[in-house]
Structures are given as structure tokens and as C-alpha cells.
Amino acid sequence: MSQATLRTDRIQLVPLSDDHLEYEVELDADPEVMRYLAGRARTREEVEEFHRRRLAAASRVPGLGFWAGFIDGRFVGWWLLEPPERADQGPVEGQAELGYRLLRRHWRQGLASEGARELIRHGFGDLGLTRIFAETMAVNTASRATMAALGMRHIRTFHLHDDEPLPGGDLGEVEYAITRHKWLARQATEA
């Protein structure tokens, strides 16, 4: 199964490709966008390396990967649904990590949750995943609020070793998750 093109009411989510590199450069060049990820803007060379890794994610598990999001042909950000990478994230089989990154001018418009909601639907409904999780810094209240709005619940707070911790890093990282069972129950109550 190749990566599907997905749609919401406002967003077209297309599988990430080399055509999207310049958008990724623009996105990662904003230090506010990167505040909880790198603590600074990324160089073009860094973005090119991450772009190669993002493209490779689509080949690891069929149907998963990164998507570039567009509204009326304008890039707004990217979303991901990819297999776990660290041992503490659990087994790859049946689960995926959810993520999103939007250009700052598109913040606070409900787009992060709209795109993420579609990826959760795709993960559980189309791919048959059993668990979807997301992580962020504990101090990233906006992302945590998005995760909670998606029906994900706080699972744990944990600390990763980092030689150059970001401001607020001493408070750790958080993991939120939702299971297919909980998602189906939530769908039934919202119908």
C-alpha cells in the first residue's frame, strides 16, 4: 500500500516529495516554529538531511509517512504518521507516532488538529493501527492542547538525555496516546 492522498474540509494532505523541499526550508527557518524542536532555525543543509529522512519514513511501513498540507494550493505545514523509532516508544507493529508542524501564519486556526484528526482516522480506519501516540516537550502547552482535543490522553512524562537541552527541557517530554478502541468509542458518541 502506498501512501494515500488525504483530504479534510480545508486541507489536502499529499505524500511528501522532493517538490516540497522549499516549503520545508521555509517552515524550519522560523525559530518560533522550531522553538520546542531544535530551539533555533535550521540551516538549509540541516533541512535537506531531515527531508531525506522524512521521505525514507514512507518506505518503512506501508501507508505511513509524511504529508504536506495545502489549502487552496498554498502550503500550510506538514503532518506525519510514522513508526516508532526509540525502544521506549514500544513495538513498531500496530502503532505509529503522530506529528504536525505548521507555518506560524497558520497557527490558531484549528488546522493542526484538523489534519491530525484525518491522520488518526487514516491510521485506525484505513491502516488498522491499534495505537497512535504523540510526543512534545512538557512546556509546549499549545501542542498538548491539540493532542487532548484529539481525544489523546497523557500517558507519561519522561526525560531524554540531551547534551544541549532546550529551555524548559528540565520539565521533560510528554507522551499522549489514543487506542483504536477509544477512537471507535469516541466516533460512536460523536455520530
N, C-alpha and C. Protein backbone atom coordinates (compact mmCIF):
# COMPACT_ATOMS: atom_id res chain seq x y z
N MET A 1 0.85 -1.19 0.00
CA MET A 1 0.00 0.00 0.00
C MET A 1 0.88 1.23 0.00
N SER A 2 0.70 2.09 -0.97
CA SER A 2 1.46 3.33 -0.99
C SER A 2 0.74 4.36 -0.13
N GLN A 3 1.41 5.43 0.12
CA GLN A 3 0.87 6.50 0.95
C GLN A 3 -0.27 7.20 0.21
N ALA A 4 -1.41 7.33 0.84
CA ALA A 4 -2.60 7.91 0.22
C ALA A 4 -2.59 9.43 0.31
N THR A 5 -3.24 10.06 -0.65
CA THR A 5 -3.57 11.48 -0.55
C THR A 5 -4.84 11.56 0.28
N LEU A 6 -4.84 12.45 1.27
CA LEU A 6 -5.96 12.57 2.21
C LEU A 6 -6.56 13.96 2.12
N ARG A 7 -7.82 14.10 2.53
CA ARG A 7 -8.49 15.40 2.48
C ARG A 7 -9.32 15.62 3.75
N THR A 8 -9.36 16.88 4.16
CA THR A 8 -10.27 17.31 5.21
C THR A 8 -11.16 18.37 4.57
N ASP A 9 -11.98 19.03 5.37
CA ASP A 9 -12.82 20.10 4.82
C ASP A 9 -11.98 21.21 4.18
N ARG A 10 -10.81 21.50 4.79
CA ARG A 10 -9.99 22.61 4.29
C ARG A 10 -8.65 22.20 3.70
N ILE A 11 -8.12 21.05 4.10
CA ILE A 11 -6.73 20.71 3.81
C ILE A 11 -6.65 19.52 2.86
N GLN A 12 -5.76 19.65 1.87
CA GLN A 12 -5.38 18.50 1.06
C GLN A 12 -4.01 18.05 1.57
N LEU A 13 -3.91 16.79 1.98
CA LEU A 13 -2.67 16.22 2.51
C LEU A 13 -2.10 15.29 1.46
N VAL A 14 -0.96 15.68 0.89
CA VAL A 14 -0.33 14.88 -0.17
C VAL A 14 0.97 14.29 0.35
N PRO A 15 1.29 13.07 -0.07
CA PRO A 15 2.54 12.47 0.39
C PRO A 15 3.73 13.39 0.10
N LEU A 16 4.58 13.53 1.08
CA LEU A 16 5.75 14.40 0.95
C LEU A 16 6.62 13.91 -0.20
N SER A 17 7.15 14.86 -0.97
CA SER A 17 8.03 14.54 -2.09
C SER A 17 9.12 15.59 -2.20
N ASP A 18 10.02 15.37 -3.14
CA ASP A 18 11.08 16.36 -3.36
C ASP A 18 10.53 17.72 -3.78
N ASP A 19 9.33 17.74 -4.33
CA ASP A 19 8.71 19.01 -4.72
C ASP A 19 8.42 19.91 -3.52
N HIS A 20 8.46 19.36 -2.33
CA HIS A 20 8.09 20.10 -1.13
C HIS A 20 9.29 20.62 -0.33
N LEU A 21 10.48 20.38 -0.79
CA LEU A 21 11.67 20.76 -0.03
C LEU A 21 11.69 22.24 0.32
N GLU A 22 11.40 23.11 -0.63
CA GLU A 22 11.45 24.55 -0.36
C GLU A 22 10.46 24.97 0.72
N TYR A 23 9.33 24.29 0.78
CA TYR A 23 8.36 24.57 1.85
C TYR A 23 8.93 24.16 3.21
N GLU A 24 9.61 23.04 3.24
CA GLU A 24 10.23 22.58 4.49
C GLU A 24 11.32 23.55 4.94
N VAL A 25 12.09 24.07 3.99
CA VAL A 25 13.12 25.05 4.32
C VAL A 25 12.48 26.28 4.95
N GLU A 26 11.40 26.77 4.35
CA GLU A 26 10.69 27.94 4.90
C GLU A 26 10.18 27.65 6.30
N LEU A 27 9.58 26.50 6.49
CA LEU A 27 9.00 26.12 7.77
C LEU A 27 10.06 26.06 8.86
N ASP A 28 11.16 25.37 8.60
CA ASP A 28 12.21 25.18 9.61
C ASP A 28 13.10 26.40 9.79
N ALA A 29 12.95 27.40 8.94
CA ALA A 29 13.74 28.63 9.07
C ALA A 29 13.15 29.59 10.12
N ASP A 30 11.95 29.29 10.60
CA ASP A 30 11.30 30.14 11.60
C ASP A 30 11.67 29.64 13.00
N PRO A 31 12.43 30.44 13.76
CA PRO A 31 12.84 29.97 15.09
C PRO A 31 11.66 29.72 16.03
N GLU A 32 10.53 30.41 15.84
CA GLU A 32 9.36 30.15 16.69
C GLU A 32 8.75 28.80 16.38
N VAL A 33 8.71 28.42 15.11
CA VAL A 33 8.21 27.10 14.72
C VAL A 33 9.09 26.02 15.34
N MET A 34 10.40 26.28 15.38
CA MET A 34 11.37 25.29 15.84
C MET A 34 11.67 25.37 17.34
N ARG A 35 10.97 26.25 18.03
CA ARG A 35 11.24 26.52 19.45
C ARG A 35 11.32 25.27 20.32
N TYR A 36 10.38 24.36 20.16
CA TYR A 36 10.34 23.17 21.01
C TYR A 36 10.98 21.95 20.34
N LEU A 37 11.58 22.16 19.18
CA LEU A 37 12.18 21.05 18.44
C LEU A 37 13.70 21.14 18.40
N ALA A 38 14.19 22.30 18.00
CA ALA A 38 15.64 22.49 17.91
C ALA A 38 16.09 23.70 18.72
N GLY A 39 15.13 24.54 19.09
CA GLY A 39 15.46 25.75 19.84
C GLY A 39 16.01 26.86 18.96
N ARG A 40 16.04 26.63 17.65
CA ARG A 40 16.59 27.61 16.70
C ARG A 40 16.15 27.22 15.31
N ALA A 41 16.32 28.16 14.38
CA ALA A 41 16.05 27.84 12.97
C ALA A 41 17.08 26.83 12.49
N ARG A 42 16.69 26.01 11.53
CA ARG A 42 17.62 25.06 10.94
C ARG A 42 18.21 25.64 9.66
N THR A 43 19.43 25.25 9.37
CA THR A 43 20.05 25.67 8.12
C THR A 43 19.45 24.86 6.97
N ARG A 44 19.66 25.35 5.76
CA ARG A 44 19.19 24.64 4.58
C ARG A 44 19.77 23.22 4.54
N GLU A 45 21.06 23.10 4.86
CA GLU A 45 21.71 21.79 4.83
C GLU A 45 21.06 20.83 5.83
N GLU A 46 20.73 21.35 7.01
CA GLU A 46 20.05 20.51 8.01
C GLU A 46 18.68 20.07 7.51
N VAL A 47 17.94 21.00 6.91
CA VAL A 47 16.61 20.68 6.41
C VAL A 47 16.70 19.63 5.30
N GLU A 48 17.70 19.76 4.44
CA GLU A 48 17.87 18.77 3.37
C GLU A 48 18.10 17.38 3.94
N GLU A 49 18.88 17.29 5.00
CA GLU A 49 19.11 15.99 5.65
C GLU A 49 17.81 15.45 6.26
N PHE A 50 17.07 16.31 6.96
CA PHE A 50 15.80 15.88 7.54
C PHE A 50 14.81 15.50 6.44
N HIS A 51 14.83 16.22 5.33
CA HIS A 51 13.95 15.91 4.20
C HIS A 51 14.20 14.49 3.71
N ARG A 52 15.44 14.10 3.57
CA ARG A 52 15.77 12.73 3.13
C ARG A 52 15.23 11.70 4.13
N ARG A 53 15.36 12.00 5.42
CA ARG A 53 14.83 11.08 6.43
C ARG A 53 13.31 11.00 6.38
N ARG A 54 12.67 12.16 6.16
CA ARG A 54 11.21 12.19 6.08
C ARG A 54 10.72 11.36 4.90
N LEU A 55 11.38 11.49 3.77
CA LEU A 55 11.00 10.70 2.59
C LEU A 55 11.18 9.22 2.87
N ALA A 56 12.25 8.85 3.55
CA ALA A 56 12.55 7.45 3.85
C ALA A 56 11.50 6.85 4.79
N ALA A 57 10.87 7.66 5.62
CA ALA A 57 9.87 7.15 6.56
C ALA A 57 8.74 6.44 5.84
N ALA A 58 8.39 6.91 4.63
CA ALA A 58 7.28 6.31 3.88
C ALA A 58 7.61 4.91 3.40
N SER A 59 8.88 4.54 3.37
CA SER A 59 9.24 3.21 2.89
C SER A 59 9.35 2.19 4.02
N ARG A 60 9.27 2.64 5.27
CA ARG A 60 9.45 1.73 6.40
C ARG A 60 8.22 0.89 6.71
N VAL A 61 7.04 1.50 6.67
CA VAL A 61 5.79 0.79 6.91
C VAL A 61 4.78 1.28 5.88
N PRO A 62 4.18 0.38 5.11
CA PRO A 62 3.23 0.80 4.08
C PRO A 62 2.11 1.67 4.64
N GLY A 63 1.83 2.77 3.95
CA GLY A 63 0.74 3.66 4.32
C GLY A 63 1.13 4.78 5.27
N LEU A 64 2.29 4.65 5.93
CA LEU A 64 2.74 5.69 6.86
C LEU A 64 3.72 6.63 6.16
N GLY A 65 4.00 7.76 6.79
CA GLY A 65 4.96 8.70 6.25
C GLY A 65 4.63 10.13 6.64
N PHE A 66 5.09 11.06 5.80
CA PHE A 66 4.86 12.48 5.99
C PHE A 66 3.95 12.99 4.88
N TRP A 67 3.13 13.96 5.22
CA TRP A 67 2.23 14.60 4.26
C TRP A 67 2.44 16.11 4.29
N ALA A 68 2.47 16.73 3.12
CA ALA A 68 2.48 18.18 3.01
C ALA A 68 1.02 18.62 2.92
N GLY A 69 0.67 19.65 3.67
CA GLY A 69 -0.71 20.13 3.70
C GLY A 69 -0.88 21.42 2.92
N PHE A 70 -1.94 21.48 2.13
CA PHE A 70 -2.22 22.65 1.29
C PHE A 70 -3.67 23.07 1.45
N ILE A 71 -3.89 24.37 1.47
CA ILE A 71 -5.23 24.94 1.41
C ILE A 71 -5.28 25.82 0.18
N ASP A 72 -6.17 25.49 -0.73
CA ASP A 72 -6.28 26.23 -2.00
C ASP A 72 -4.92 26.38 -2.67
N GLY A 73 -4.14 25.31 -2.65
CA GLY A 73 -2.84 25.30 -3.31
C GLY A 73 -1.71 25.97 -2.55
N ARG A 74 -1.99 26.51 -1.36
CA ARG A 74 -0.96 27.18 -0.54
C ARG A 74 -0.51 26.24 0.57
N PHE A 75 0.80 26.08 0.71
CA PHE A 75 1.38 25.23 1.74
C PHE A 75 1.10 25.81 3.12
N VAL A 76 0.65 24.95 4.05
CA VAL A 76 0.39 25.40 5.42
C VAL A 76 1.27 24.69 6.44
N GLY A 77 1.78 23.49 6.09
CA GLY A 77 2.61 22.75 7.02
C GLY A 77 2.67 21.29 6.63
N TRP A 78 3.20 20.48 7.54
CA TRP A 78 3.23 19.04 7.28
C TRP A 78 2.74 18.28 8.50
N TRP A 79 2.30 17.05 8.23
CA TRP A 79 1.81 16.13 9.24
C TRP A 79 2.53 14.81 9.05
N LEU A 80 2.66 14.04 10.11
CA LEU A 80 3.32 12.74 9.98
C LEU A 80 2.57 11.68 10.76
N LEU A 81 2.70 10.49 10.27
CA LEU A 81 2.26 9.29 10.94
C LEU A 81 3.34 8.28 10.59
N GLU A 82 4.23 8.02 11.55
CA GLU A 82 5.37 7.15 11.26
C GLU A 82 5.59 6.14 12.38
N PRO A 83 6.28 5.05 12.05
CA PRO A 83 6.52 4.03 13.07
C PRO A 83 7.42 4.54 14.18
N PRO A 84 7.28 3.97 15.37
CA PRO A 84 8.16 4.35 16.49
C PRO A 84 9.62 4.13 16.13
N GLU A 85 10.48 4.97 16.71
CA GLU A 85 11.92 4.87 16.43
C GLU A 85 12.74 4.46 17.64
N ARG A 86 12.31 4.87 18.84
CA ARG A 86 13.07 4.58 20.05
C ARG A 86 12.50 3.35 20.74
N ALA A 87 13.33 2.63 21.44
CA ALA A 87 12.89 1.42 22.16
C ALA A 87 11.81 1.74 23.19
N ASP A 88 11.88 2.92 23.83
CA ASP A 88 10.90 3.25 24.87
C ASP A 88 9.53 3.61 24.28
N GLN A 89 9.43 3.70 22.96
CA GLN A 89 8.15 4.00 22.33
C GLN A 89 7.34 2.74 22.04
N GLY A 90 7.91 1.61 22.28
CA GLY A 90 7.18 0.36 22.09
C GLY A 90 7.41 -0.25 20.74
N PRO A 91 6.72 -1.34 20.47
CA PRO A 91 6.92 -2.06 19.21
C PRO A 91 6.38 -1.28 18.01
N VAL A 92 6.98 -1.50 16.87
CA VAL A 92 6.54 -0.84 15.64
C VAL A 92 5.17 -1.38 15.22
N GLU A 93 5.00 -2.67 15.31
CA GLU A 93 3.78 -3.32 14.84
C GLU A 93 2.53 -2.73 15.49
N GLY A 94 1.62 -2.24 14.66
CA GLY A 94 0.31 -1.79 15.15
C GLY A 94 0.25 -0.38 15.69
N GLN A 95 1.36 0.33 15.72
CA GLN A 95 1.27 1.69 16.24
C GLN A 95 2.10 2.66 15.41
N ALA A 96 1.80 3.95 15.59
CA ALA A 96 2.51 4.99 14.86
C ALA A 96 2.52 6.27 15.69
N GLU A 97 3.52 7.09 15.40
CA GLU A 97 3.64 8.40 16.05
C GLU A 97 3.01 9.45 15.15
N LEU A 98 2.22 10.31 15.75
CA LEU A 98 1.56 11.42 15.07
C LEU A 98 2.35 12.69 15.32
N GLY A 99 2.48 13.53 14.32
CA GLY A 99 3.13 14.83 14.50
C GLY A 99 2.62 15.82 13.48
N TYR A 100 2.93 17.09 13.71
CA TYR A 100 2.49 18.16 12.83
C TYR A 100 3.39 19.37 13.05
N ARG A 101 3.55 20.15 12.00
CA ARG A 101 4.32 21.39 12.07
C ARG A 101 3.73 22.34 11.06
N LEU A 102 3.32 23.53 11.51
CA LEU A 102 2.66 24.49 10.63
C LEU A 102 3.42 25.80 10.58
N LEU A 103 3.33 26.47 9.43
CA LEU A 103 3.85 27.83 9.32
C LEU A 103 3.14 28.69 10.36
N ARG A 104 3.86 29.61 10.95
CA ARG A 104 3.30 30.39 12.05
C ARG A 104 2.03 31.15 11.65
N ARG A 105 1.96 31.62 10.41
CA ARG A 105 0.77 32.38 9.99
C ARG A 105 -0.50 31.52 9.96
N HIS A 106 -0.34 30.21 10.11
CA HIS A 106 -1.49 29.32 10.11
C HIS A 106 -1.80 28.75 11.49
N TRP A 107 -1.11 29.24 12.51
CA TRP A 107 -1.38 28.80 13.88
C TRP A 107 -2.74 29.32 14.33
N ARG A 108 -3.30 28.67 15.31
CA ARG A 108 -4.53 29.07 16.00
C ARG A 108 -5.74 29.18 15.06
N GLN A 109 -5.75 28.31 14.04
CA GLN A 109 -6.88 28.26 13.11
C GLN A 109 -7.52 26.87 13.09
N GLY A 110 -7.07 26.01 14.00
CA GLY A 110 -7.60 24.66 14.08
C GLY A 110 -7.05 23.71 13.02
N LEU A 111 -6.03 24.15 12.28
CA LEU A 111 -5.51 23.33 11.19
C LEU A 111 -4.69 22.14 11.69
N ALA A 112 -3.91 22.34 12.75
CA ALA A 112 -3.10 21.23 13.28
C ALA A 112 -4.01 20.07 13.67
N SER A 113 -5.07 20.37 14.41
CA SER A 113 -5.97 19.30 14.85
C SER A 113 -6.79 18.75 13.68
N GLU A 114 -7.15 19.58 12.72
CA GLU A 114 -7.92 19.10 11.57
C GLU A 114 -7.12 18.08 10.76
N GLY A 115 -5.87 18.40 10.46
CA GLY A 115 -5.02 17.46 9.73
C GLY A 115 -4.71 16.23 10.55
N ALA A 116 -4.44 16.42 11.84
CA ALA A 116 -4.12 15.30 12.72
C ALA A 116 -5.32 14.37 12.87
N ARG A 117 -6.50 14.93 12.97
CA ARG A 117 -7.72 14.12 13.08
C ARG A 117 -7.85 13.19 11.85
N GLU A 118 -7.53 13.74 10.67
CA GLU A 118 -7.61 12.92 9.45
C GLU A 118 -6.54 11.82 9.46
N LEU A 119 -5.35 12.13 9.96
CA LEU A 119 -4.32 11.08 10.03
C LEU A 119 -4.70 10.00 11.03
N ILE A 120 -5.32 10.38 12.12
CA ILE A 120 -5.79 9.38 13.09
C ILE A 120 -6.85 8.50 12.44
N ARG A 121 -7.79 9.12 11.72
CA ARG A 121 -8.81 8.35 11.02
C ARG A 121 -8.16 7.39 10.01
N HIS A 122 -7.20 7.90 9.27
CA HIS A 122 -6.48 7.08 8.28
C HIS A 122 -5.75 5.92 8.98
N GLY A 123 -5.08 6.22 10.08
CA GLY A 123 -4.32 5.20 10.79
C GLY A 123 -5.20 4.08 11.32
N PHE A 124 -6.29 4.44 11.96
CA PHE A 124 -7.18 3.42 12.53
C PHE A 124 -8.12 2.84 11.48
N GLY A 125 -8.72 3.71 10.67
CA GLY A 125 -9.74 3.26 9.72
C GLY A 125 -9.19 2.57 8.49
N ASP A 126 -8.13 3.11 7.91
CA ASP A 126 -7.59 2.57 6.66
C ASP A 126 -6.46 1.57 6.88
N LEU A 127 -5.63 1.84 7.88
CA LEU A 127 -4.43 1.02 8.07
C LEU A 127 -4.57 -0.03 9.17
N GLY A 128 -5.62 0.08 10.00
CA GLY A 128 -5.84 -0.90 11.05
C GLY A 128 -4.87 -0.81 12.21
N LEU A 129 -4.31 0.37 12.45
CA LEU A 129 -3.41 0.54 13.60
C LEU A 129 -4.18 0.29 14.89
N THR A 130 -3.47 -0.05 15.95
CA THR A 130 -4.10 -0.28 17.25
C THR A 130 -3.83 0.85 18.24
N ARG A 131 -2.78 1.66 17.98
CA ARG A 131 -2.42 2.74 18.91
C ARG A 131 -1.68 3.83 18.15
N ILE A 132 -2.04 5.09 18.43
CA ILE A 132 -1.36 6.25 17.87
C ILE A 132 -0.94 7.13 19.04
N PHE A 133 0.32 7.55 19.03
CA PHE A 133 0.83 8.38 20.11
C PHE A 133 1.50 9.63 19.54
N ALA A 134 1.70 10.61 20.40
CA ALA A 134 2.38 11.85 20.03
C ALA A 134 3.22 12.30 21.22
N GLU A 135 4.32 12.99 20.92
CA GLU A 135 5.21 13.48 21.97
C GLU A 135 5.53 14.95 21.73
N THR A 136 5.78 15.65 22.83
CA THR A 136 6.25 17.03 22.77
C THR A 136 6.92 17.36 24.10
N MET A 137 7.55 18.51 24.15
CA MET A 137 8.10 18.99 25.42
C MET A 137 6.94 19.29 26.37
N ALA A 138 7.13 19.03 27.64
CA ALA A 138 6.09 19.28 28.64
C ALA A 138 5.64 20.73 28.62
N VAL A 139 6.53 21.66 28.31
CA VAL A 139 6.18 23.09 28.32
C VAL A 139 5.44 23.54 27.07
N ASN A 140 5.28 22.68 26.08
CA ASN A 140 4.60 23.05 24.83
C ASN A 140 3.08 22.91 25.02
N THR A 141 2.50 23.89 25.69
CA THR A 141 1.08 23.81 26.04
C THR A 141 0.16 23.81 24.82
N ALA A 142 0.53 24.50 23.75
CA ALA A 142 -0.33 24.54 22.56
C ALA A 142 -0.43 23.15 21.93
N SER A 143 0.68 22.47 21.78
CA SER A 143 0.66 21.14 21.19
C SER A 143 -0.06 20.14 22.11
N ARG A 144 0.15 20.28 23.39
CA ARG A 144 -0.53 19.40 24.35
C ARG A 144 -2.05 19.60 24.27
N ALA A 145 -2.49 20.84 24.11
CA ALA A 145 -3.92 21.11 24.00
C ALA A 145 -4.49 20.48 22.72
N THR A 146 -3.72 20.52 21.64
CA THR A 146 -4.16 19.88 20.40
C THR A 146 -4.31 18.39 20.61
N MET A 147 -3.33 17.77 21.25
CA MET A 147 -3.38 16.33 21.50
C MET A 147 -4.61 15.97 22.33
N ALA A 148 -4.88 16.74 23.35
CA ALA A 148 -6.04 16.47 24.21
C ALA A 148 -7.34 16.65 23.42
N ALA A 149 -7.40 17.67 22.56
CA ALA A 149 -8.59 17.91 21.76
C ALA A 149 -8.86 16.76 20.79
N LEU A 150 -7.81 16.04 20.42
CA LEU A 150 -7.95 14.90 19.51
C LEU A 150 -8.43 13.64 20.24
N GLY A 151 -8.60 13.73 21.55
CA GLY A 151 -9.01 12.57 22.33
C GLY A 151 -7.85 11.76 22.86
N MET A 152 -6.64 12.25 22.66
CA MET A 152 -5.47 11.56 23.20
C MET A 152 -5.36 11.89 24.68
N ARG A 153 -4.84 10.95 25.44
CA ARG A 153 -4.67 11.22 26.87
C ARG A 153 -3.20 11.15 27.25
N HIS A 154 -2.87 11.88 28.30
CA HIS A 154 -1.49 11.90 28.78
C HIS A 154 -1.13 10.52 29.31
N ILE A 155 -0.04 9.95 28.79
CA ILE A 155 0.40 8.62 29.19
C ILE A 155 1.55 8.71 30.18
N ARG A 156 2.52 9.58 29.87
CA ARG A 156 3.70 9.65 30.73
C ARG A 156 4.46 10.94 30.48
N THR A 157 5.24 11.29 31.48
CA THR A 157 6.25 12.34 31.37
C THR A 157 7.59 11.63 31.51
N PHE A 158 8.52 11.96 30.64
CA PHE A 158 9.81 11.28 30.65
C PHE A 158 10.92 12.26 30.27
N HIS A 159 12.13 11.85 30.50
CA HIS A 159 13.30 12.70 30.22
C HIS A 159 14.23 11.99 29.25
N LEU A 160 14.59 12.69 28.20
CA LEU A 160 15.58 12.20 27.25
C LEU A 160 16.89 12.89 27.55
N HIS A 161 17.99 12.18 27.40
CA HIS A 161 19.29 12.81 27.60
C HIS A 161 19.60 13.70 26.41
N ASP A 162 19.99 14.94 26.70
CA ASP A 162 20.34 15.88 25.64
C ASP A 162 21.54 16.69 26.11
N ASP A 163 22.58 16.68 25.32
CA ASP A 163 23.79 17.44 25.67
C ASP A 163 23.54 18.94 25.68
N GLU A 164 22.58 19.40 24.89
CA GLU A 164 22.23 20.81 24.82
C GLU A 164 20.72 20.96 25.01
N PRO A 165 20.25 20.83 26.26
CA PRO A 165 18.81 20.89 26.49
C PRO A 165 18.21 22.25 26.14
N LEU A 166 16.99 22.22 25.67
CA LEU A 166 16.26 23.44 25.33
C LEU A 166 15.69 24.06 26.60
N PRO A 167 15.41 25.35 26.59
CA PRO A 167 14.74 25.97 27.74
C PRO A 167 13.43 25.22 28.04
N GLY A 168 13.24 24.84 29.28
CA GLY A 168 12.08 24.08 29.69
C GLY A 168 12.30 22.58 29.61
N GLY A 169 13.43 22.18 29.05
CA GLY A 169 13.73 20.76 28.90
C GLY A 169 13.84 20.02 30.22
N ASP A 170 14.15 20.75 31.28
CA ASP A 170 14.26 20.11 32.59
C ASP A 170 12.92 19.55 33.07
N LEU A 171 11.81 20.03 32.48
CA LEU A 171 10.49 19.52 32.83
C LEU A 171 10.13 18.26 32.05
N GLY A 172 10.97 17.90 31.09
CA GLY A 172 10.81 16.65 30.37
C GLY A 172 9.94 16.74 29.14
N GLU A 173 9.67 15.54 28.63
CA GLU A 173 8.82 15.34 27.46
C GLU A 173 7.54 14.66 27.93
N VAL A 174 6.50 14.77 27.14
CA VAL A 174 5.25 14.08 27.46
C VAL A 174 4.81 13.23 26.27
N GLU A 175 4.15 12.15 26.58
CA GLU A 175 3.56 11.29 25.57
C GLU A 175 2.05 11.27 25.79
N TYR A 176 1.32 11.45 24.69
CA TYR A 176 -0.13 11.32 24.67
C TYR A 176 -0.45 10.19 23.71
N ALA A 177 -1.57 9.50 23.92
CA ALA A 177 -1.91 8.41 23.02
C ALA A 177 -3.41 8.18 23.00
N ILE A 178 -3.84 7.50 21.93
CA ILE A 178 -5.21 7.03 21.82
C ILE A 178 -5.15 5.65 21.17
N THR A 179 -6.00 4.76 21.64
CA THR A 179 -6.08 3.42 21.06
C THR A 179 -7.22 3.38 20.04
N ARG A 180 -7.17 2.39 19.19
CA ARG A 180 -8.24 2.22 18.20
C ARG A 180 -9.57 2.03 18.92
N HIS A 181 -9.57 1.27 20.00
CA HIS A 181 -10.79 1.03 20.78
C HIS A 181 -11.38 2.36 21.28
N LYS A 182 -10.55 3.21 21.87
CA LYS A 182 -11.03 4.51 22.39
C LYS A 182 -11.49 5.41 21.25
N TRP A 183 -10.77 5.37 20.12
CA TRP A 183 -11.15 6.18 18.96
C TRP A 183 -12.52 5.76 18.43
N LEU A 184 -12.74 4.44 18.32
CA LEU A 184 -14.04 3.95 17.84
C LEU A 184 -15.16 4.36 18.79
N ALA A 185 -14.91 4.27 20.10
CA ALA A 185 -15.91 4.68 21.08
C ALA A 185 -16.20 6.17 20.95
N ARG A 186 -15.17 6.96 20.72
CA ARG A 186 -15.34 8.41 20.56
C ARG A 186 -16.13 8.71 19.28
N GLN A 187 -15.85 7.97 18.21
CA GLN A 187 -16.59 8.15 16.95
C GLN A 187 -18.07 7.86 17.15
N ALA A 188 -18.38 6.84 17.92
CA ALA A 188 -19.77 6.45 18.16
C ALA A 188 -20.52 7.53 18.92
N THR A 189 -19.86 8.18 19.88
CA THR A 189 -20.53 9.23 20.67
C THR A 189 -20.66 10.53 19.90
N GLU A 190 -19.79 10.74 18.92
CA GLU A 190 -19.84 11.98 18.12
C GLU A 190 -20.78 11.86 16.93
N ALA A 191 -21.20 10.63 16.62
CA ALA A 191 -22.06 10.41 15.43
C ALA A 191 -23.49 10.83 15.67
